[in-house]
Amino acid sequence: MIVFQQLFSDLDRRRRVSRCFEHRAASPIFSTTSIAILLIVGTLPGYLRLLDVQYLQNDPFVLWIPGERRMPTQSTISRQLSALDDRSIGLSELLQQRLTLHALEREPLSRITLDFDGSVLGTYLHAEGVASGYN
């Protein structure tokens, strides 16, 4: 987690993520930025479901990255996520695409193969946010 704290700092991640939500009214307890960063950090040890936040609530390193003293509850995170508007989601997707493309531009790669294991889901020849894809 210490490595990821430095990476988040180097990428200026908090400021970049907060710009996706700055047009929204701030939450009095947990900012949408903190919740978004906690969800990103939560995926690092492999937690993928919202219910998994219970396993992170006593981890000081997980809370250290977004600068929180305690973990929001599952219901708090759910409420914040359900209140996101199209603009917030669009800005978040754009940020993700820019960070990914910027990282790829720095690498001298002539070809990239991405292999995702798991269940096969048909895209019906359209996958949102994908430059090109195959079923």
Protein backbone atom coordinates (compact mmCIF):
# COMPACT_ATOMS: atom_id res chain seq x y z
CA MET A 1 0.00 0.00 0.00
CA ILE A 2 2.94 2.33 0.62
CA VAL A 3 3.95 1.91 -3.02
CA PHE A 4 0.43 2.77 -4.15
CA GLN A 5 0.34 5.80 -1.85
CA GLN A 6 3.44 7.11 -3.62
CA LEU A 7 1.96 6.26 -7.04
CA PHE A 8 -1.29 8.07 -6.20
CA SER A 9 0.75 11.04 -5.05
CA ASP A 10 2.95 11.04 -8.17
CA LEU A 11 -0.10 10.85 -10.44
CA ASP A 12 -1.82 13.62 -8.46
CA ARG A 13 -4.71 11.17 -8.28
CA ARG A 14 -6.75 12.89 -5.57
CA ARG A 15 -6.89 16.21 -7.43
CA ARG A 16 -7.67 14.50 -10.73
CA VAL A 17 -10.45 12.38 -9.23
CA SER A 18 -11.91 15.34 -7.33
CA ARG A 19 -12.24 17.28 -10.60
CA CYS A 20 -14.72 14.62 -11.76
CA PHE A 21 -17.05 15.51 -8.89
CA GLU A 22 -16.42 19.21 -8.19
CA HIS A 23 -19.70 20.28 -9.83
CA ARG A 24 -21.69 18.26 -7.25
CA ALA A 25 -22.70 19.38 -3.78
CA ALA A 26 -20.23 18.12 -1.19
CA SER A 27 -21.20 15.43 1.29
CA PRO A 28 -20.81 16.50 4.92
CA ILE A 29 -19.22 13.23 6.03
CA PHE A 30 -17.39 11.48 3.17
CA SER A 31 -16.51 13.17 -0.09
CA THR A 32 -17.25 11.38 -3.34
CA THR A 33 -13.54 11.69 -4.08
CA SER A 34 -12.60 9.78 -0.92
CA ILE A 35 -15.15 7.08 -1.67
CA ALA A 36 -13.91 6.73 -5.26
CA ILE A 37 -10.31 6.42 -4.07
CA LEU A 38 -11.30 3.91 -1.37
CA LEU A 39 -13.01 1.79 -4.02
CA ILE A 40 -9.93 1.94 -6.25
CA VAL A 41 -7.65 1.02 -3.33
CA GLY A 42 -10.05 -1.76 -2.33
CA THR A 43 -9.53 -3.50 -5.65
CA LEU A 44 -5.78 -3.80 -5.03
CA PRO A 45 -6.14 -6.68 -2.53
CA GLY A 46 -8.86 -8.19 -4.73
CA TYR A 47 -12.09 -6.88 -3.24
CA LEU A 48 -14.59 -6.36 -6.03
CA ARG A 49 -18.00 -6.19 -4.35
CA LEU A 50 -19.38 -3.34 -2.30
CA LEU A 51 -19.98 -5.75 0.55
CA ASP A 52 -16.20 -6.31 0.74
CA VAL A 53 -15.65 -2.90 2.40
CA GLN A 54 -16.25 -4.65 5.71
CA TYR A 55 -12.88 -6.39 5.28
CA LEU A 56 -11.12 -3.05 4.78
CA GLN A 57 -12.61 -1.05 7.62
CA ASN A 58 -9.80 -1.73 10.09
CA ASP A 59 -6.91 -1.51 7.66
CA PRO A 60 -4.94 1.67 8.43
CA PHE A 61 -3.08 1.59 5.10
CA VAL A 62 -6.30 1.51 3.07
CA LEU A 63 -7.63 4.51 4.99
CA TRP A 64 -4.27 6.31 4.80
CA ILE A 65 -4.27 6.63 0.99
CA PRO A 66 -7.44 8.75 0.73
CA GLY A 67 -6.70 10.40 4.08
CA GLU A 68 -9.70 9.08 6.00
CA ARG A 69 -9.86 8.08 9.66
CA ARG A 70 -12.65 5.57 9.22
CA MET A 71 -14.28 3.55 6.47
CA PRO A 72 -17.69 4.58 5.17
CA THR A 73 -20.38 1.93 5.55
CA GLN A 74 -21.69 -0.06 2.62
CA SER A 75 -24.93 1.95 2.68
CA THR A 76 -23.04 5.28 2.64
CA ILE A 77 -21.00 4.18 -0.37
CA SER A 78 -24.12 2.89 -2.10
CA ARG A 79 -25.96 6.20 -1.56
CA GLN A 80 -23.00 8.20 -2.89
CA LEU A 81 -22.69 6.01 -5.98
CA SER A 82 -26.42 6.10 -6.72
CA ALA A 83 -26.34 9.91 -6.54
CA LEU A 84 -23.69 10.23 -9.25
CA ASP A 85 -24.88 12.03 -12.35
CA ASP A 86 -24.00 11.41 -15.98
CA ARG A 87 -21.43 14.20 -15.93
CA SER A 88 -19.55 12.65 -13.00
CA ILE A 89 -19.55 9.24 -14.63
CA GLY A 90 -18.45 10.66 -17.99
CA LEU A 91 -15.61 12.64 -16.40
CA SER A 92 -14.50 9.54 -14.45
CA GLU A 93 -14.45 7.45 -17.62
CA LEU A 94 -12.51 10.15 -19.44
CA LEU A 95 -9.96 10.33 -16.63
CA GLN A 96 -9.52 6.56 -16.71
CA GLN A 97 -9.02 6.59 -20.49
CA ARG A 98 -6.51 9.45 -20.32
CA LEU A 99 -4.45 7.82 -17.57
CA THR A 100 -4.41 4.51 -19.44
CA LEU A 101 -3.46 6.05 -22.78
CA HIS A 102 -0.81 8.26 -21.17
CA ALA A 103 0.78 5.20 -19.53
CA LEU A 104 0.70 3.28 -22.81
CA GLU A 105 2.26 6.17 -24.74
CA ARG A 106 5.30 6.07 -22.46
CA GLU A 107 5.94 2.41 -23.25
CA PRO A 108 7.74 1.46 -26.48
CA LEU A 109 5.23 -1.25 -27.39
CA SER A 110 4.37 -2.23 -30.92
CA ARG A 111 1.48 -4.46 -29.84
CA ILE A 112 -0.60 -5.11 -26.73
CA THR A 113 -2.62 -8.20 -25.90
CA LEU A 114 -5.10 -8.02 -23.04
CA ASP A 115 -6.36 -11.33 -21.72
CA PHE A 116 -9.22 -11.16 -19.24
CA ASP A 117 -10.23 -14.44 -17.66
CA GLY A 118 -13.73 -14.95 -16.39
CA SER A 119 -17.22 -15.29 -17.70
CA VAL A 120 -17.88 -14.56 -21.34
CA LEU A 121 -20.35 -11.75 -21.85
CA GLY A 122 -21.54 -10.93 -25.34
CA THR A 123 -21.10 -7.31 -26.39
CA TYR A 124 -23.24 -7.65 -29.51
CA LEU A 125 -20.44 -5.91 -31.42
CA HIS A 126 -20.55 -2.86 -29.14
CA ALA A 127 -18.68 -2.40 -25.87
CA GLU A 128 -18.92 1.05 -24.30
CA GLY A 129 -15.56 2.75 -23.76
CA VAL A 130 -13.60 0.13 -25.72
CA ALA A 131 -11.40 1.24 -28.60
CA SER A 132 -11.78 -2.16 -30.26
CA GLY A 133 -12.98 -5.46 -28.92
CA TYR A 134 -13.95 -8.98 -29.78
CA ASN A 135 -16.31 -11.52 -28.24
